Amino acid sequence: MEWTGARYADRPTVEVRTWIDAPPERVWALVSDIELMPDMSRELRSVAWLDGAAGPAVGARFVGRSEHEALGAWETVSQVIECEPESVLAWAVQDPADPSAVWRFRLRPENGGTRLSQWMQLGPGRSGLSAAIDRMPDKEQKIVFVRLREFESGITATLAQIKQRAEA
């Protein structure tokens, strides 16, 4: 990831793509099973559907518990904002109208397999990162850059896990 000088209010994003030698339906089965995600993440510790939901659908909510060496432990509630089987799954963290982050998987058939991307956007709503920026406003751009780089690394690892499982 190259330095962008982005600030939190810029709603900075990161995206990683991979090609998987498996059909979209197999890849979708993995990305849409949010309870698998903690096994593939460095930060996410647990995920559970809320309100009786058993799988992704627009409006479905889930709770995620995460932990980070510098940020500590936290819990968020997310809401699915896009869900098209074998195509896209996206969720807003905290308030869907003013999310602290938005995450999205996109799938598309390509060369007999699946092109999978995972994208995320920081903000515009406040998050744990906002508190760090409040304490050190002169370091905002560095804080944002370091966190985006961590997300890029985590997404790369998650996509590698999905690829390995889908191709097995």
Foldseek 3Di string as FASTA:
>chain_A
DDQDLDFLQVQDKDKDKDWALFALQLLLVVVFPVQCVCVQFPWWPGKDWPPPDDTDDAFTKMKIWTADPVLGIDIWMKGWHDDDRSAKTKIFTHDPVWGQKIKMWGWDDDPNTIMIMIMMTGTPDDDSLVVVCVVPVVCRSVSVVVVNVVVNVRRVSSVVVSRVVRRD
